[in-house]
Amino acid sequence: MSRDPGLQPERTRLAWTRTGVAMAANALLLLKAGISGQHAVLFVSAAIVGIVAAAFVAVGDCRSLRLAAAPVAVGTWMMWMVSSVAVMVAASSVCCVVLGMR
């Protein structure tokens, strides 16, 4: 019996890409705040958030390709790790923008 993957790989890729694009938008906002305020910490934060955004898109592509080939179970450690990184990046972005506006 052949496996019908349905739309799971596509949904996975879109979700990871959407998260990466949102993080890239935060990186651009940090970069803009850093340029206008001449704060080095905002430039460094923008670079870190940009790298994490690219990593999210890359992980999403790899994950969707694996899902298209065969079902892969996600461990709870991976879910916690990804969620923690996303929350930390969002919180640091907000802190940097708030501190950069002063």
C-alpha atoms as a PDB file:
ATOM      1  CA  MET A   1       0.000   0.000   0.000  1.00  0.00           C
ATOM      2  CA  SER A   2       1.499   3.323  -1.020  1.00  0.00           C
ATOM      3  CA  ARG A   3       1.606   6.239   1.368  1.00  0.00           C
ATOM      4  CA  ASP A   4      -0.368   9.337   0.447  1.00  0.00           C
ATOM      5  CA  PRO A   5       1.548  12.258   1.992  1.00  0.00           C
ATOM      6  CA  GLY A   6      -1.295  14.679   1.348  1.00  0.00           C
ATOM      7  CA  LEU A   7      -0.421  18.274   1.963  1.00  0.00           C
ATOM      8  CA  GLN A   8       1.682  17.731   5.081  1.00  0.00           C
ATOM      9  CA  PRO A   9       5.060  18.431   3.414  1.00  0.00           C
ATOM     10  CA  GLU A  10       3.706  21.602   1.811  1.00  0.00           C
ATOM     11  CA  ARG A  11       2.137  22.821   5.062  1.00  0.00           C
ATOM     12  CA  THR A  12       5.382  22.122   6.890  1.00  0.00           C
ATOM     13  CA  ARG A  13       7.445  24.074   4.380  1.00  0.00           C
ATOM     14  CA  LEU A  14       4.999  26.988   4.430  1.00  0.00           C
ATOM     15  CA  ALA A  15       4.938  27.138   8.237  1.00  0.00           C
ATOM     16  CA  TRP A  16       8.725  27.156   8.547  1.00  0.00           C
ATOM     17  CA  THR A  17       9.043  29.691   5.727  1.00  0.00           C
ATOM     18  CA  ARG A  18       6.416  31.939   7.308  1.00  0.00           C
ATOM     19  CA  THR A  19       8.302  31.834  10.614  1.00  0.00           C
ATOM     20  CA  GLY A  20      11.582  32.603   8.847  1.00  0.00           C
ATOM     21  CA  VAL A  21      10.055  35.551   6.990  1.00  0.00           C
ATOM     22  CA  ALA A  22       8.610  36.960  10.225  1.00  0.00           C
ATOM     23  CA  MET A  23      12.015  36.677  11.877  1.00  0.00           C
ATOM     24  CA  ALA A  24      13.687  38.297   8.851  1.00  0.00           C
ATOM     25  CA  ALA A  25      11.245  41.202   9.176  1.00  0.00           C
ATOM     26  CA  ASN A  26      12.318  41.554  12.820  1.00  0.00           C
ATOM     27  CA  ALA A  27      15.948  41.528  11.701  1.00  0.00           C
ATOM     28  CA  LEU A  28      15.230  44.360   9.261  1.00  0.00           C
ATOM     29  CA  LEU A  29      13.499  46.355  11.990  1.00  0.00           C
ATOM     30  CA  LEU A  30      16.491  45.852  14.263  1.00  0.00           C
ATOM     31  CA  LEU A  31      18.815  46.908  11.473  1.00  0.00           C
ATOM     32  CA  LYS A  32      16.768  50.053  10.838  1.00  0.00           C
ATOM     33  CA  ALA A  33      16.775  50.901  14.540  1.00  0.00           C
ATOM     34  CA  GLY A  34      20.521  50.289  14.667  1.00  0.00           C
ATOM     35  CA  ILE A  35      21.176  52.559  11.698  1.00  0.00           C
ATOM     36  CA  SER A  36      19.053  55.384  13.039  1.00  0.00           C
ATOM     37  CA  GLY A  37      20.432  55.131  16.580  1.00  0.00           C
ATOM     38  CA  GLN A  38      24.023  54.099  15.797  1.00  0.00           C
ATOM     39  CA  HIS A  39      23.873  51.209  18.310  1.00  0.00           C
ATOM     40  CA  ALA A  40      26.252  48.309  17.720  1.00  0.00           C
ATOM     41  CA  VAL A  41      24.149  45.939  19.842  1.00  0.00           C
ATOM     42  CA  LEU A  42      21.246  46.374  17.420  1.00  0.00           C
ATOM     43  CA  PHE A  43      23.465  45.496  14.455  1.00  0.00           C
ATOM     44  CA  VAL A  44      24.662  42.339  16.218  1.00  0.00           C
ATOM     45  CA  SER A  45      21.082  41.430  17.171  1.00  0.00           C
ATOM     46  CA  ALA A  46      19.950  41.990  13.589  1.00  0.00           C
ATOM     47  CA  ALA A  47      22.684  39.654  12.326  1.00  0.00           C
ATOM     48  CA  ILE A  48      21.787  36.949  14.843  1.00  0.00           C
ATOM     49  CA  VAL A  49      18.064  37.160  14.090  1.00  0.00           C
ATOM     50  CA  GLY A  50      18.809  37.115  10.340  1.00  0.00           C
ATOM     51  CA  ILE A  51      20.930  33.980  10.691  1.00  0.00           C
ATOM     52  CA  VAL A  52      18.239  32.277  12.769  1.00  0.00           C
ATOM     53  CA  ALA A  53      15.629  33.254  10.154  1.00  0.00           C
ATOM     54  CA  ALA A  54      17.710  31.632   7.404  1.00  0.00           C
ATOM     55  CA  ALA A  55      18.139  28.545   9.587  1.00  0.00           C
ATOM     56  CA  PHE A  56      14.365  28.290  10.071  1.00  0.00           C
ATOM     57  CA  VAL A  57      13.806  28.323   6.303  1.00  0.00           C
ATOM     58  CA  ALA A  58      16.558  25.726   5.763  1.00  0.00           C
ATOM     59  CA  VAL A  59      15.203  23.419   8.481  1.00  0.00           C
ATOM     60  CA  GLY A  60      11.722  23.736   6.983  1.00  0.00           C
ATOM     61  CA  ASP A  61      12.965  22.731   3.550  1.00  0.00           C
ATOM     62  CA  CYS A  62      14.856  19.728   4.925  1.00  0.00           C
ATOM     63  CA  ARG A  63      11.902  18.697   7.073  1.00  0.00           C
ATOM     64  CA  SER A  64       9.406  18.900   4.213  1.00  0.00           C
ATOM     65  CA  LEU A  65      11.676  16.857   1.944  1.00  0.00           C
ATOM     66  CA  ARG A  66      11.956  14.174   4.637  1.00  0.00           C
ATOM     67  CA  LEU A  67       8.193  14.184   5.148  1.00  0.00           C
ATOM     68  CA  ALA A  68       7.638  13.744   1.424  1.00  0.00           C
ATOM     69  CA  ALA A  69       9.858  10.647   1.466  1.00  0.00           C
ATOM     70  CA  ALA A  70       8.539   8.987   4.636  1.00  0.00           C
ATOM     71  CA  PRO A  71       6.803   9.977   7.849  1.00  0.00           C
ATOM     72  CA  VAL A  72       9.224  11.198  10.487  1.00  0.00           C
ATOM     73  CA  ALA A  73       8.287  11.608  14.111  1.00  0.00           C
ATOM     74  CA  VAL A  74       9.443  14.783  15.816  1.00  0.00           C
ATOM     75  CA  GLY A  75      10.880  14.364  19.284  1.00  0.00           C
ATOM     76  CA  THR A  76       9.630  16.574  22.059  1.00  0.00           C
ATOM     77  CA  TRP A  77      13.169  17.898  22.582  1.00  0.00           C
ATOM     78  CA  MET A  78      13.168  19.338  19.054  1.00  0.00           C
ATOM     79  CA  MET A  79       9.797  20.993  19.577  1.00  0.00           C
ATOM     80  CA  TRP A  80      10.991  22.562  22.838  1.00  0.00           C
ATOM     81  CA  MET A  81      14.267  23.667  21.274  1.00  0.00           C
ATOM     82  CA  VAL A  82      12.637  25.342  18.280  1.00  0.00           C
ATOM     83  CA  SER A  83       9.981  26.981  20.430  1.00  0.00           C
ATOM     84  CA  SER A  84      12.570  28.235  22.911  1.00  0.00           C
ATOM     85  CA  VAL A  85      14.756  29.722  20.179  1.00  0.00           C
ATOM     86  CA  ALA A  86      11.788  31.455  18.565  1.00  0.00           C
ATOM     87  CA  VAL A  87      10.651  32.948  21.875  1.00  0.00           C
ATOM     88  CA  MET A  88      14.176  34.075  22.794  1.00  0.00           C
ATOM     89  CA  VAL A  89      14.731  35.718  19.420  1.00  0.00           C
ATOM     90  CA  ALA A  90      11.375  37.500  19.570  1.00  0.00           C
ATOM     91  CA  ALA A  91      12.012  38.686  23.136  1.00  0.00           C
ATOM     92  CA  SER A  92      15.505  39.911  22.321  1.00  0.00           C
ATOM     93  CA  SER A  93      14.187  41.740  19.269  1.00  0.00           C
ATOM     94  CA  VAL A  94      11.583  43.547  21.336  1.00  0.00           C
ATOM     95  CA  CYS A  95      14.131  44.410  24.035  1.00  0.00           C
ATOM     96  CA  CYS A  96      16.648  45.703  21.515  1.00  0.00           C
ATOM     97  CA  VAL A  97      14.082  47.850  19.733  1.00  0.00           C
ATOM     98  CA  VAL A  98      12.765  49.257  23.010  1.00  0.00           C
ATOM     99  CA  LEU A  99      16.299  49.969  24.264  1.00  0.00           C
ATOM    100  CA  GLY A 100      17.288  51.343  20.881  1.00  0.00           C
ATOM    101  CA  MET A 101      14.431  53.827  20.860  1.00  0.00           C
ATOM    102  CA  ARG A 102      15.738  55.619  23.968  1.00  0.00           C
END
